[in-house]
Amino acid sequence: MNSSNPRWIALQVMLQVVDRGRSLDDIFADSWYQSLTASKRDLGLSRELVFGLCRWYYALSALLARRLQKPLRERDRDIEIILLLGLYQLLVMKTGAHAAVNETVKLTGSGKKTWARGLVNAVLRAVVREEASLDSNAQAQAYPDWMLARIHRDWGEQAEQLLTEGNQRPPMTLRVDTRRAKLDDVIDALRADGADARKHEMVATALELASPCDVTRLTGFEQGILSVQDAAAQLAAGLLVCAAGARVLDACAAPGGKTAHLLQTYDDIELDALDSSETRLERLRQNLLRIDKSARILTGDAADPDSWFDGNHYDCILADVPCSASGVIRRHPDIKLLRRESDIMPTLAQQRKILDALWRLLKPGGRMLYSTCSIFKDENEVQIAKFLDRHPDGSEVTLHEVPWGEPCPHGRQVLTGRDNMDGFYYALLTKSGHA
């Protein structure tokens, strides 16, 4: 099969996600993907197929299971994904039946499994003939069972809306360096570029685009005035409040969106950007170079400061810790396939270690902002409650006056899709005493 064929590309990507547990970000950065000869248009279609199938994988798998006399063998995973790609085109993309069926059937020849041509053809043509559709409860069926149960447990009556929002396509949101450019002027420049933008209702530095585009062609991007960042992630810099001359640590900093925003927001701060991944830190360096800002970049584990901390304590710490990423599932739908319920306990333990380790580095009177892109309460308000129990010298700075998010027993939760933002959690903590 020609490697420029978008459906063949989508099949290869999905096999890596399902069988090898690779994230889409990793695959798209891989030399194999970068070397593909497909046109920009065909690569766009392949990505539409991949993101869409990840989003609806479980719902489509349930529908497929009812149409097979017996489950496919594990060694025939490629045939299963071919069938799911066909179903996605027919039922979600609403691709013309002739193109969807014929082009999907052709994929069976790529794996030397010509026996499957009849099966794929029969299943897809039956779906067309019967005018089948996804079940009325497909929004919930689109999640793995463990994730579905946790969302219902944590959010009760709000769960159905959360599930629906998590299945939507995310907006493309820009962060504007408002110290260098006025929002209205940026909007005018974007419209001249053919990009329709409007101000975000909750976040003063954020603009929403009516439709996604190549950000590198927009006026202001190469100059560092524009960056791509969800509105909820843009809240962090304003919450931390760093005085001039403050020593600031952005732990788990790469790829550097919040690092850059802190540097664009506060004058004369000494910022250390820490991450355990040298590969991801290279992206941070590129981001800082583009916005013409500098930071001391450290490679190390936030839970093990002995390997990188120089003994000079911090006034402010941003602890944007590893998490389930359940709040950004509309942006990264492969999370549905990659995360396991068994991942949660180790993640909670890692968050706890990072919190406790970073707390020792904070000056008395200093502030630490705890952040996740999760909607699971165990990672958020429950984690902070346990932290405060362990650290009597810590107290919460209550976020009373902000207009966004849900008030929690500790911290504040942005629910996925609310005010068109990703799901994010913030808790602001301060250490007793004086510096």
Protein backbone atom coordinates (compact mmCIF):
# COMPACT_ATOMS: atom_id res chain seq x y z
CA MET A 1 0.00 0.00 0.00
CA ASN A 2 1.29 3.47 -0.94
CA SER A 3 2.64 5.32 2.10
CA SER A 4 0.99 8.48 0.84
CA ASN A 5 -2.47 6.91 1.27
CA PRO A 6 -4.16 8.67 4.24
CA ARG A 7 -6.18 5.61 5.30
CA TRP A 8 -3.07 3.40 5.26
CA ILE A 9 -1.22 6.01 7.34
CA ALA A 10 -4.11 6.12 9.82
CA LEU A 11 -4.04 2.31 10.07
CA GLN A 12 -0.31 2.28 10.86
CA VAL A 13 -0.67 5.02 13.47
CA MET A 14 -3.60 3.31 15.18
CA LEU A 15 -1.72 0.01 15.34
CA GLN A 16 1.07 1.77 17.21
CA VAL A 17 -1.42 3.33 19.64
CA VAL A 18 -3.42 0.16 20.29
CA ASP A 19 -0.69 -2.50 20.20
CA ARG A 20 2.35 -0.57 21.41
CA GLY A 21 0.74 2.01 23.68
CA ARG A 22 2.39 4.96 21.92
CA SER A 23 0.90 8.43 22.18
CA LEU A 24 -0.07 10.35 19.08
CA ASP A 25 2.36 13.13 20.02
CA ASP A 26 5.24 10.63 20.03
CA ILE A 27 4.17 9.04 16.77
CA PHE A 28 3.76 12.35 14.94
CA ALA A 29 7.24 13.41 16.10
CA ASP A 30 8.73 10.10 14.95
CA SER A 31 11.10 10.02 11.96
CA TRP A 32 8.81 7.46 10.29
CA TYR A 33 5.88 9.87 10.28
CA GLN A 34 8.04 12.85 9.35
CA SER A 35 9.34 10.97 6.30
CA LEU A 36 5.91 10.21 4.83
CA THR A 37 5.39 11.41 1.28
CA ALA A 38 1.70 12.21 1.59
CA SER A 39 0.46 15.65 0.64
CA LYS A 40 -0.54 18.15 3.31
CA ARG A 41 -4.17 17.44 2.48
CA ASP A 42 -3.76 13.67 2.81
CA LEU A 43 -1.85 14.02 6.08
CA GLY A 44 -4.71 16.17 7.32
CA LEU A 45 -7.21 13.42 6.44
CA SER A 46 -5.05 10.80 8.15
CA ARG A 47 -4.99 12.89 11.32
CA GLU A 48 -8.75 13.39 11.16
CA LEU A 49 -9.18 9.63 10.94
CA VAL A 50 -6.77 8.95 13.80
CA PHE A 51 -8.05 11.58 16.21
CA GLY A 52 -11.64 10.72 15.40
CA LEU A 53 -11.15 6.98 15.82
CA CYS A 54 -9.38 7.48 19.16
CA ARG A 55 -12.29 9.67 20.25
CA TRP A 56 -14.96 7.13 19.29
CA TYR A 57 -12.93 3.90 19.54
CA TYR A 58 -14.90 2.31 22.37
CA ALA A 59 -18.33 3.23 21.00
CA LEU A 60 -17.45 1.96 17.53
CA SER A 61 -15.89 -1.20 18.98
CA ALA A 62 -19.15 -1.96 20.80
CA LEU A 63 -21.08 -1.52 17.57
CA LEU A 64 -18.62 -3.70 15.65
CA ALA A 65 -18.75 -6.48 18.24
CA ARG A 66 -22.49 -6.81 17.70
CA ARG A 67 -21.94 -7.25 13.96
CA LEU A 68 -19.28 -9.97 14.11
CA GLN A 69 -20.26 -13.59 14.62
CA LYS A 70 -17.10 -14.07 16.70
CA PRO A 71 -14.34 -11.75 17.90
CA LEU A 72 -11.33 -11.29 15.66
CA ARG A 73 -8.09 -12.89 16.76
CA GLU A 74 -5.42 -10.70 18.34
CA ARG A 75 -3.14 -11.28 15.35
CA ASP A 76 -5.86 -9.73 13.20
CA ARG A 77 -5.82 -6.42 15.03
CA ASP A 78 -5.15 -4.70 11.71
CA ILE A 79 -8.45 -6.00 10.33
CA GLU A 80 -10.29 -4.83 13.41
CA ILE A 81 -8.86 -1.32 13.04
CA ILE A 82 -9.63 -1.31 9.31
CA LEU A 83 -13.26 -2.08 10.15
CA LEU A 84 -13.33 0.65 12.81
CA LEU A 85 -11.84 3.16 10.36
CA GLY A 86 -14.61 2.28 7.91
CA LEU A 87 -17.28 2.67 10.58
CA TYR A 88 -15.85 6.02 11.66
CA GLN A 89 -15.99 7.31 8.09
CA LEU A 90 -19.57 6.15 7.60
CA LEU A 91 -21.11 6.98 10.97
CA VAL A 92 -19.19 10.01 12.20
CA MET A 93 -17.51 11.68 9.23
CA LYS A 94 -20.52 10.85 7.01
CA THR A 95 -18.17 10.06 4.12
CA GLY A 96 -19.91 8.93 0.95
CA ALA A 97 -20.64 5.22 1.15
CA HIS A 98 -18.90 4.32 -2.11
CA ALA A 99 -15.59 5.98 -1.17
CA ALA A 100 -15.67 4.90 2.47
CA VAL A 101 -16.38 1.23 1.71
CA ASN A 102 -14.17 0.79 -1.33
CA GLU A 103 -11.13 2.62 0.04
CA THR A 104 -11.41 0.81 3.37
CA VAL A 105 -11.69 -2.61 1.73
CA LYS A 106 -8.49 -1.87 -0.22
CA LEU A 107 -6.60 -1.64 3.09
CA THR A 108 -6.97 -5.39 3.60
CA GLY A 109 -4.47 -5.92 0.80
CA SER A 110 -1.76 -4.01 2.69
CA GLY A 111 -1.34 -6.82 5.21
CA LYS A 112 -1.60 -9.74 2.79
CA LYS A 113 -4.96 -10.67 4.32
CA THR A 114 -7.11 -10.85 1.25
CA TRP A 115 -9.43 -13.24 3.10
CA ALA A 116 -10.67 -10.22 5.04
CA ARG A 117 -11.90 -8.33 1.97
CA GLY A 118 -15.24 -10.10 2.07
CA LEU A 119 -15.67 -9.54 5.80
CA VAL A 120 -14.89 -5.82 5.68
CA ASN A 121 -17.06 -5.33 2.60
CA ALA A 122 -20.01 -7.21 4.14
CA VAL A 123 -19.92 -5.41 7.49
CA LEU A 124 -19.63 -1.92 6.01
CA ARG A 125 -22.24 -2.49 3.29
CA ALA A 126 -24.66 -3.82 5.90
CA VAL A 127 -24.17 -0.63 7.92
CA VAL A 128 -24.92 1.43 4.80
CA ARG A 129 -27.91 -0.69 3.80
CA GLU A 130 -29.47 -0.60 7.27
CA GLU A 131 -28.71 3.12 7.71
CA ALA A 132 -27.17 2.21 11.06
CA SER A 133 -26.07 4.86 13.54
CA LEU A 134 -24.25 5.12 16.83
CA ASP A 135 -26.33 4.32 19.91
CA SER A 136 -28.10 7.12 21.75
CA ASN A 137 -25.71 6.59 24.65
CA ALA A 138 -22.63 6.74 22.43
CA GLN A 139 -21.25 9.75 24.36
CA ALA A 140 -20.80 7.52 27.41
CA GLN A 141 -19.85 4.43 25.37
CA ALA A 142 -16.91 6.40 23.94
CA TYR A 143 -15.02 6.02 27.26
CA PRO A 144 -13.39 2.98 28.86
CA ASP A 145 -15.55 1.58 31.66
CA TRP A 146 -13.17 2.54 34.48
CA MET A 147 -12.98 6.15 33.34
CA LEU A 148 -16.73 6.36 32.88
CA ALA A 149 -17.30 5.07 36.43
CA ARG A 150 -14.81 7.52 37.93
CA ILE A 151 -16.34 10.53 36.18
CA HIS A 152 -19.82 9.53 37.38
CA ARG A 153 -18.51 8.98 40.92
CA ASP A 154 -16.75 12.34 41.06
CA TRP A 155 -19.25 14.56 39.26
CA GLY A 156 -22.71 13.02 39.64
CA GLU A 157 -25.29 15.11 37.81
CA GLN A 158 -22.57 16.96 35.90
CA ALA A 159 -21.06 13.75 34.54
CA GLU A 160 -23.18 13.51 31.39
CA GLN A 161 -22.25 17.01 30.29
CA LEU A 162 -18.59 16.29 31.06
CA LEU A 163 -18.66 13.15 28.95
CA THR A 164 -20.23 14.98 26.04
CA GLU A 165 -17.76 17.87 26.25
CA GLY A 166 -14.85 15.45 26.36
CA ASN A 167 -15.94 14.06 22.99
CA GLN A 168 -16.00 17.46 21.26
CA ARG A 169 -13.29 18.91 19.07
CA PRO A 170 -11.21 21.38 21.08
CA PRO A 171 -10.91 25.05 20.14
CA MET A 172 -7.63 26.51 18.95
CA THR A 173 -6.75 29.13 21.55
CA LEU A 174 -3.90 31.61 21.41
CA ARG A 175 -2.06 33.39 24.20
CA VAL A 176 -1.18 37.01 23.46
CA ASP A 177 1.75 38.82 25.06
CA THR A 178 -0.47 41.72 26.10
CA ARG A 179 2.51 43.73 27.31
CA ARG A 180 3.71 43.96 23.72
CA ALA A 181 0.44 44.09 21.80
CA LYS A 182 -3.20 45.03 22.37
CA LEU A 183 -5.79 42.33 21.84
CA ASP A 184 -7.80 44.44 19.40
CA ASP A 185 -4.71 45.09 17.27
CA VAL A 186 -3.86 41.39 17.27
CA ILE A 187 -7.41 40.51 16.23
CA ASP A 188 -7.17 42.95 13.31
CA ALA A 189 -3.84 41.44 12.23
CA LEU A 190 -5.22 37.91 12.46
CA ARG A 191 -8.24 38.82 10.35
CA ALA A 192 -5.87 40.27 7.75
CA ASP A 193 -4.21 36.84 7.76
CA GLY A 194 -7.60 35.23 7.17
CA ALA A 195 -7.98 33.94 10.74
CA ASP A 196 -11.18 34.93 12.53
CA ALA A 197 -10.48 35.49 16.24
CA ARG A 198 -12.41 36.69 19.26
CA LYS A 199 -11.55 37.50 22.86
CA HIS A 200 -12.02 34.77 25.43
CA GLU A 201 -14.72 35.66 27.95
CA MET A 202 -12.77 34.63 31.05
CA VAL A 203 -9.06 34.94 30.27
CA ALA A 204 -7.62 38.36 29.43
CA THR A 205 -4.66 37.05 27.43
CA ALA A 206 -6.61 34.52 25.36
CA LEU A 207 -8.04 34.63 21.85
CA GLU A 208 -10.15 31.88 20.28
CA LEU A 209 -9.92 31.12 16.58
CA ALA A 210 -13.10 30.23 14.71
CA SER A 211 -11.23 27.37 13.02
CA PRO A 212 -7.77 25.83 13.49
CA CYS A 213 -4.93 26.95 11.25
CA ASP A 214 -1.17 26.78 10.88
CA VAL A 215 -0.03 29.08 13.68
CA THR A 216 3.39 29.60 12.11
CA ARG A 217 1.86 31.63 9.29
CA LEU A 218 0.09 34.07 11.64
CA THR A 219 1.45 37.57 12.13
CA GLY A 220 3.02 37.78 15.58
CA PHE A 221 3.92 34.13 16.08
CA GLU A 222 7.55 34.26 15.01
CA GLN A 223 7.92 37.50 16.98
CA GLY A 224 6.73 35.77 20.15
CA ILE A 225 3.56 37.84 20.50
CA LEU A 226 1.35 34.79 19.84
CA SER A 227 1.60 31.31 21.32
CA VAL A 228 -0.77 28.35 21.24
CA GLN A 229 -2.11 27.60 24.73
CA ASP A 230 -5.53 26.64 26.07
CA ALA A 231 -7.26 29.35 28.09
CA ALA A 232 -7.33 27.22 31.26
CA ALA A 233 -3.56 26.76 31.13
CA GLN A 234 -3.18 30.53 30.79
CA LEU A 235 -4.69 31.02 34.26
CA ALA A 236 -1.55 29.76 36.02
CA ALA A 237 0.70 32.79 35.55
CA GLY A 238 -1.82 35.22 37.00
CA LEU A 239 -2.48 33.05 40.05
CA LEU A 240 1.13 32.71 41.17
CA VAL A 241 1.80 36.49 41.55
CA CYS A 242 5.59 36.89 41.39
CA ALA A 243 7.22 40.09 42.71
CA ALA A 244 10.14 41.70 40.89
CA GLY A 245 13.35 39.92 41.77
CA ALA A 246 11.54 36.77 42.95
CA ARG A 247 13.17 33.38 42.57
CA VAL A 248 10.67 31.21 40.73
CA LEU A 249 10.66 27.49 39.96
CA ASP A 250 8.55 26.01 37.19
CA ALA A 251 8.71 22.31 38.01
CA CYS A 252 7.71 19.82 35.28
CA ALA A 253 8.10 22.79 32.94
CA ALA A 254 8.48 21.34 29.44
CA PRO A 255 7.38 22.08 26.78
CA GLY A 256 7.36 25.54 28.30
CA GLY A 257 3.99 27.18 27.76
CA LYS A 258 3.58 28.25 31.37
CA THR A 259 7.30 29.08 31.67
CA ALA A 260 6.99 31.48 28.75
CA HIS A 261 3.81 33.02 30.16
CA LEU A 262 5.44 33.65 33.55
CA LEU A 263 8.37 35.40 31.86
CA GLN A 264 6.01 37.50 29.74
CA THR A 265 3.95 38.45 32.79
CA TYR A 266 6.52 39.35 35.47
CA ASP A 267 9.56 41.61 35.20
CA ASP A 268 12.98 40.74 36.57
CA ILE A 269 12.18 37.32 38.01
CA GLU A 270 14.86 34.64 38.26
CA LEU A 271 13.16 31.61 36.78
CA ASP A 272 14.39 28.02 36.90
CA ALA A 273 12.66 25.69 34.43
CA LEU A 274 12.94 22.04 35.49
CA ASP A 275 11.97 18.87 33.66
CA SER A 276 13.12 15.26 33.66
CA SER A 277 13.02 14.95 29.86
CA GLU A 278 15.89 16.45 27.91
CA THR A 279 13.93 15.93 24.69
CA ARG A 280 11.00 17.96 26.00
CA LEU A 281 13.37 20.60 27.37
CA GLU A 282 14.65 21.15 23.84
CA ARG A 283 11.14 22.25 22.91
CA LEU A 284 11.17 24.59 25.91
CA ARG A 285 14.45 26.13 24.72
CA GLN A 286 12.95 26.71 21.28
CA ASN A 287 9.87 28.34 22.79
CA LEU A 288 11.96 30.70 24.92
CA LEU A 289 14.14 31.58 21.96
CA ARG A 290 11.06 32.48 19.93
CA ILE A 291 9.69 34.84 22.61
CA ASP A 292 13.19 36.23 23.34
CA LYS A 293 13.15 35.31 27.05
CA SER A 294 15.65 33.38 29.13
CA ALA A 295 15.53 31.02 32.10
CA ARG A 296 17.94 28.68 33.83
CA ILE A 297 17.06 25.26 32.43
CA LEU A 298 17.56 22.25 34.69
CA THR A 299 17.25 18.56 33.87
CA GLY A 300 16.07 16.57 36.87
CA ASP A 301 13.27 14.86 38.76
CA ALA A 302 11.03 17.26 40.70
CA ALA A 303 10.58 14.53 43.34
CA ASP A 304 14.36 14.30 43.88
CA PRO A 305 15.76 17.82 44.41
CA ASP A 306 19.08 16.50 45.76
CA SER A 307 20.11 15.86 42.16
CA TRP A 308 19.62 19.46 40.97
CA PHE A 309 18.75 21.93 43.77
CA ASP A 310 21.50 24.45 44.57
CA GLY A 311 20.25 25.34 48.06
CA ASN A 312 18.83 28.73 47.09
CA HIS A 313 15.16 28.55 48.09
CA TYR A 314 12.27 29.86 45.99
CA ASP A 315 9.70 32.60 46.53
CA CYS A 316 7.23 31.01 44.09
CA ILE A 317 6.87 27.48 42.76
CA LEU A 318 4.60 26.24 39.98
CA ALA A 319 3.97 22.52 40.50
CA ASP A 320 2.25 21.52 37.28
CA VAL A 321 2.49 17.84 38.13
CA PRO A 322 2.11 14.69 35.99
CA CYS A 323 -1.50 13.50 36.01
CA SER A 324 -4.08 11.36 34.21
CA ALA A 325 -4.67 14.23 31.74
CA SER A 326 -8.37 13.40 31.95
CA GLY A 327 -9.22 17.10 31.57
CA VAL A 328 -7.60 17.41 28.13
CA ILE A 329 -9.12 14.29 26.63
CA ARG A 330 -10.91 16.25 23.90
CA ARG A 331 -7.48 17.54 22.80
CA HIS A 332 -5.69 14.21 23.28
CA PRO A 333 -8.32 11.49 22.66
CA ASP A 334 -5.65 8.78 22.60
CA ILE A 335 -5.68 9.12 26.41
CA LYS A 336 -8.82 6.95 26.34
CA LEU A 337 -6.79 4.09 24.87
CA LEU A 338 -3.50 4.68 26.70
CA ARG A 339 -4.55 5.25 30.32
CA ARG A 340 -5.39 2.36 32.62
CA GLU A 341 -7.11 2.39 35.98
CA SER A 342 -3.94 0.81 37.37
CA ASP A 343 -2.06 4.00 36.41
CA ILE A 344 -3.94 6.14 38.92
CA MET A 345 -2.37 4.96 42.19
CA PRO A 346 1.23 5.33 40.95
CA THR A 347 0.34 8.78 39.60
CA LEU A 348 -1.10 9.84 42.96
CA ALA A 349 2.06 8.61 44.69
CA GLN A 350 4.24 10.56 42.25
CA GLN A 351 2.21 13.72 42.79
CA ARG A 352 2.57 13.34 46.55
CA LYS A 353 6.35 12.90 46.30
CA ILE A 354 6.68 15.97 44.10
CA LEU A 355 4.53 18.12 46.39
CA ASP A 356 6.46 17.12 49.50
CA ALA A 357 9.84 17.54 47.81
CA LEU A 358 9.06 20.96 46.35
CA TRP A 359 7.56 22.22 49.61
CA ARG A 360 10.99 21.92 51.23
CA LEU A 361 12.37 24.29 48.60
CA LEU A 362 9.84 27.06 49.25
CA LYS A 363 10.78 30.02 51.42
CA PRO A 364 8.62 30.85 54.46
CA GLY A 365 5.95 33.23 53.20
CA GLY A 366 6.33 31.84 49.69
CA ARG A 367 3.59 30.51 47.42
CA MET A 368 3.21 27.25 45.55
CA LEU A 369 0.60 26.77 42.84
CA TYR A 370 -0.46 23.14 42.39
CA SER A 371 -1.89 22.39 38.97
CA THR A 372 -3.16 19.41 36.99
CA CYS A 373 -5.02 18.96 33.71
CA SER A 374 -7.23 16.36 35.40
CA ILE A 375 -10.88 16.24 36.41
CA PHE A 376 -10.39 13.34 38.86
CA LYS A 377 -10.87 14.49 42.45
CA ASP A 378 -8.26 12.10 43.85
CA GLU A 379 -5.59 13.97 41.89
CA ASN A 380 -6.91 17.36 42.87
CA GLU A 381 -8.87 18.39 45.95
CA VAL A 382 -8.23 15.08 47.75
CA GLN A 383 -4.50 15.31 47.04
CA ILE A 384 -4.38 18.84 48.46
CA ALA A 385 -6.41 17.90 51.55
CA LYS A 386 -3.92 15.15 52.35
CA PHE A 387 -1.00 17.50 51.70
CA LEU A 388 -2.35 20.07 54.16
CA ASP A 389 -2.81 17.32 56.75
CA ARG A 390 0.87 16.38 56.36
CA HIS A 391 2.18 19.95 56.41
CA PRO A 392 0.90 22.11 59.30
CA ASP A 393 3.06 24.99 58.02
CA GLY A 394 0.97 25.08 54.85
CA SER A 395 -2.33 26.84 54.25
CA GLU A 396 -4.53 27.47 51.27
CA VAL A 397 -4.98 30.85 49.61
CA THR A 398 -8.66 30.61 48.72
CA LEU A 399 -9.49 31.63 45.15
CA HIS A 400 -12.70 33.46 46.05
CA GLU A 401 -12.86 36.23 43.49
CA VAL A 402 -12.01 34.43 40.25
CA PRO A 403 -14.93 34.14 37.78
CA TRP A 404 -14.01 30.71 36.45
CA GLY A 405 -14.26 27.14 37.65
CA GLU A 406 -16.07 25.17 40.33
CA PRO A 407 -15.27 25.88 43.98
CA CYS A 408 -13.96 22.73 45.71
CA PRO A 409 -13.26 21.94 49.37
CA HIS A 410 -9.69 22.80 48.37
CA GLY A 411 -8.75 24.64 45.19
CA ARG A 412 -10.85 25.29 42.11
CA GLN A 413 -11.78 23.02 39.21
CA VAL A 414 -12.33 24.00 35.59
CA LEU A 415 -14.53 21.32 34.05
CA THR A 416 -13.83 20.25 30.47
CA GLY A 417 -15.65 22.48 28.02
CA ARG A 418 -16.85 24.98 30.62
CA ASP A 419 -16.27 28.47 29.18
CA ASN A 420 -14.69 26.59 26.27
CA MET A 421 -11.65 25.63 28.35
CA ASP A 422 -9.84 22.37 28.96
CA GLY A 423 -10.31 20.62 32.30
CA PHE A 424 -7.82 22.06 34.81
CA TYR A 425 -7.39 22.20 38.57
CA TYR A 426 -5.57 24.85 40.63
CA ALA A 427 -4.81 25.12 44.34
CA LEU A 428 -2.69 27.98 45.71
CA LEU A 429 -0.71 27.22 48.88
CA THR A 430 1.43 29.39 51.12
CA LYS A 431 4.03 28.51 53.73
CA SER A 432 3.79 30.12 57.18
CA GLY A 433 6.56 32.36 58.48
CA HIS A 434 8.55 35.21 56.98
CA ALA A 435 11.33 35.12 54.45
